[in-house]
Amino acid sequence: MSYRIEYQWAIYRLPASATLLEPRFVVAVEGGDNNVRVARTGKRARSWDVCMIGTAHQVLKQAVYFAGACEGGSLKPSGRNASPEAYVRRIRRLVEADPSNPVGTWYPHIQIPEQHPGVAHARQLGLAAETEVSYGQKRVRVDLTQAQRDLVFDFVDRFPDLMGWHLAKVCGLPSS
């Protein structure tokens, strides 16, 4: 039976502003499956993905959802068994900490199923939306300019069914 290992976590905090009425968070996780290895090195394969995004409340709600996988053993933070409560505490500490010097960066990368209502919403906002095929599924990529970056949180608020990896990506984070 395969399980997912989370190796390290990074968080980006966006302070409240004229466009964001309360602070927003982007939580990235470096992880991978225990039985997938890189052929060249034999090391377990891993990558950074945005897993949680939104207000503190939204991020903790998403953490509770992921924490359920700890109970069944299909998610192991740091490669060890963890209780769901311990997982939520870990994410809560991340949210409450002050990421004064975050490494790397995050950027909006909205990629949603073609039939999702977010596609119509993007078109209503006048955003560029292009259909692509990803893993055999038609998806729509919505492009945001740097000035429109905060609009990704509009998608977070309106469509809680979208996961972090549907909405954003990270780069420049060190691999373990």
Protein backbone atom coordinates (compact mmCIF):
# COMPACT_ATOMS: atom_id res chain seq x y z
CA MET A 1 0.00 0.00 0.00
CA SER A 2 1.35 3.38 -0.98
CA TYR A 3 1.26 6.49 1.18
CA ARG A 4 2.24 10.13 0.74
CA ILE A 5 5.15 11.55 2.67
CA GLU A 6 5.35 15.28 3.38
CA TYR A 7 8.97 16.33 3.84
CA GLN A 8 8.82 20.08 4.43
CA TRP A 9 6.41 23.01 4.44
CA ALA A 10 6.63 26.65 3.39
CA ILE A 11 4.12 29.44 3.88
CA TYR A 12 3.63 32.81 2.25
CA ARG A 13 1.60 35.48 4.03
CA LEU A 14 -0.06 38.29 2.14
CA PRO A 15 -1.10 41.11 4.50
CA ALA A 16 -4.53 42.68 4.36
CA SER A 17 -4.77 45.45 1.77
CA ALA A 18 -7.29 47.38 -0.30
CA THR A 19 -7.95 44.27 -2.41
CA LEU A 20 -7.53 41.70 0.39
CA LEU A 21 -9.71 42.51 3.39
CA GLU A 22 -7.88 40.02 5.62
CA PRO A 23 -4.47 38.31 5.45
CA ARG A 24 -4.17 35.43 3.00
CA PHE A 25 -1.86 32.44 3.08
CA VAL A 26 -0.32 30.12 0.52
CA VAL A 27 0.96 26.85 2.02
CA ALA A 28 3.35 24.82 -0.10
CA VAL A 29 4.35 21.27 0.75
CA GLU A 30 7.25 19.20 -0.54
CA GLY A 31 6.05 15.64 -0.79
CA GLY A 32 5.83 12.44 -2.76
CA ASP A 33 4.70 8.84 -2.67
CA ASN A 34 6.75 6.36 -0.67
CA ASN A 35 7.08 3.89 -3.55
CA VAL A 36 8.07 6.27 -6.38
CA ARG A 37 11.79 6.69 -6.93
CA VAL A 38 13.99 8.72 -9.25
CA ALA A 39 15.63 6.21 -11.60
CA ARG A 40 19.01 7.98 -11.70
CA THR A 41 19.50 8.38 -7.96
CA GLY A 42 17.21 5.80 -6.36
CA LYS A 43 16.00 8.58 -4.05
CA ARG A 44 12.28 8.97 -3.40
CA ALA A 45 10.67 11.33 -5.90
CA ARG A 46 9.32 14.54 -4.41
CA SER A 47 8.09 17.92 -5.55
CA TRP A 48 6.73 21.17 -4.18
CA ASP A 49 3.01 21.86 -4.61
CA VAL A 50 0.61 24.45 -3.26
CA CYS A 51 -1.72 22.42 -1.05
CA MET A 52 -3.63 25.04 0.94
CA ILE A 53 -4.55 28.60 0.06
CA GLY A 54 -6.82 31.30 1.47
CA THR A 55 -7.58 33.02 4.76
CA ALA A 56 -6.39 31.46 8.03
CA HIS A 57 -9.84 29.91 8.47
CA GLN A 58 -9.86 28.49 4.92
CA VAL A 59 -6.34 27.08 5.29
CA LEU A 60 -7.18 25.38 8.58
CA LYS A 61 -10.37 23.95 7.06
CA GLN A 62 -8.28 22.50 4.23
CA ALA A 63 -5.76 21.17 6.78
CA VAL A 64 -8.57 19.33 8.58
CA TYR A 65 -9.55 17.75 5.25
CA PHE A 66 -5.96 16.53 4.64
CA ALA A 67 -5.56 15.45 8.27
CA GLY A 68 -8.16 12.74 7.70
CA ALA A 69 -5.56 10.94 5.56
CA CYS A 70 -3.27 10.72 8.62
CA GLU A 71 -5.89 8.61 10.41
CA GLY A 72 -5.90 5.99 7.68
CA GLY A 73 -2.12 6.03 7.24
CA SER A 74 -2.14 7.38 3.68
CA LEU A 75 -0.41 10.64 4.74
CA LYS A 76 2.75 10.60 6.84
CA PRO A 77 4.29 13.97 7.72
CA SER A 78 8.09 13.60 7.86
CA GLY A 79 7.62 9.91 7.00
CA ARG A 80 6.05 9.07 10.37
CA ASN A 81 2.57 8.25 11.56
CA ALA A 82 0.81 11.32 12.92
CA SER A 83 -2.56 11.94 14.44
CA PRO A 84 -4.96 14.22 12.56
CA GLU A 85 -4.79 16.63 15.50
CA ALA A 86 -0.99 16.81 15.27
CA TYR A 87 -1.22 17.56 11.55
CA VAL A 88 -3.71 20.40 12.09
CA ARG A 89 -1.49 21.78 14.88
CA ARG A 90 1.49 21.77 12.51
CA ILE A 91 -0.43 23.81 9.91
CA ARG A 92 -1.84 26.14 12.59
CA ARG A 93 1.70 26.87 13.82
CA LEU A 94 2.72 27.67 10.24
CA VAL A 95 -0.18 30.10 9.87
CA GLU A 96 0.52 31.75 13.22
CA ALA A 97 4.27 32.06 12.60
CA ASP A 98 5.73 35.17 11.01
CA PRO A 99 7.35 34.13 7.71
CA SER A 100 9.71 37.11 7.76
CA ASN A 101 12.05 35.80 5.08
CA PRO A 102 10.22 33.32 2.86
CA VAL A 103 12.39 31.48 0.36
CA GLY A 104 11.18 31.12 -3.21
CA THR A 105 7.93 32.56 -4.45
CA TRP A 106 4.40 31.61 -5.34
CA TYR A 107 2.40 32.63 -8.37
CA PRO A 108 -1.20 32.17 -9.52
CA HIS A 109 -1.62 29.28 -11.93
CA ILE A 110 -5.32 28.57 -12.30
CA GLN A 111 -5.95 25.30 -14.11
CA ILE A 112 -9.46 23.93 -13.67
CA PRO A 113 -11.69 21.31 -15.35
CA GLU A 114 -13.39 22.56 -18.49
CA GLN A 115 -16.93 22.18 -17.07
CA HIS A 116 -16.16 23.86 -13.71
CA PRO A 117 -18.21 27.03 -12.97
CA GLY A 118 -14.91 28.85 -12.38
CA VAL A 119 -14.40 28.94 -16.14
CA ALA A 120 -17.57 31.02 -16.63
CA HIS A 121 -16.52 33.22 -13.71
CA ALA A 122 -13.11 33.85 -15.31
CA ARG A 123 -14.75 34.80 -18.58
CA GLN A 124 -17.15 37.16 -16.75
CA LEU A 125 -14.11 38.89 -15.27
CA GLY A 126 -12.61 39.21 -18.75
CA LEU A 127 -9.63 36.98 -17.95
CA ALA A 128 -7.75 35.12 -20.67
CA ALA A 129 -8.78 31.45 -20.54
CA GLU A 130 -7.27 28.77 -22.78
CA THR A 131 -8.29 25.10 -23.02
CA GLU A 132 -5.47 22.56 -22.65
CA VAL A 133 -5.22 18.81 -22.23
CA SER A 134 -3.52 17.76 -18.99
CA TYR A 135 -3.18 14.08 -18.08
CA GLY A 136 -5.83 13.23 -20.68
CA GLN A 137 -8.36 15.69 -19.20
CA LYS A 138 -9.46 18.95 -20.77
CA ARG A 139 -8.62 21.80 -18.45
CA VAL A 140 -8.84 25.55 -18.75
CA ARG A 141 -5.82 27.65 -17.84
CA VAL A 142 -6.71 31.13 -16.64
CA ASP A 143 -3.87 33.61 -16.96
CA LEU A 144 -3.50 36.42 -14.44
CA THR A 145 -1.07 39.29 -14.79
CA GLN A 146 1.04 40.39 -11.83
CA ALA A 147 -1.43 43.23 -11.26
CA GLN A 148 -4.31 40.72 -11.17
CA ARG A 149 -2.51 38.32 -8.80
CA ASP A 150 -4.96 38.86 -5.90
CA LEU A 151 -7.86 37.68 -8.11
CA VAL A 152 -6.78 34.11 -7.37
CA PHE A 153 -8.29 34.59 -3.90
CA ASP A 154 -11.62 35.43 -5.51
CA PHE A 155 -11.55 31.87 -6.92
CA VAL A 156 -10.60 30.52 -3.47
CA ASP A 157 -13.58 32.31 -1.89
CA ARG A 158 -16.14 31.42 -4.57
CA PHE A 159 -15.10 27.82 -5.27
CA PRO A 160 -14.00 25.99 -2.11
CA ASP A 161 -13.94 22.71 -4.08
CA LEU A 162 -10.78 23.85 -5.92
CA MET A 163 -7.59 22.62 -4.29
CA GLY A 164 -4.44 24.70 -3.90
CA TRP A 165 -2.69 22.97 -6.80
CA HIS A 166 -5.56 24.04 -9.09
CA LEU A 167 -4.90 27.69 -8.26
CA ALA A 168 -1.20 28.34 -7.69
CA LYS A 169 2.35 27.04 -8.01
CA VAL A 170 5.63 27.69 -6.25
CA CYS A 171 9.21 27.95 -7.44
CA GLY A 172 12.63 28.52 -5.94
CA LEU A 173 12.13 26.36 -2.86
CA PRO A 174 15.02 24.05 -1.87
CA SER A 175 14.46 20.33 -2.18
CA SER A 176 15.29 18.05 0.71
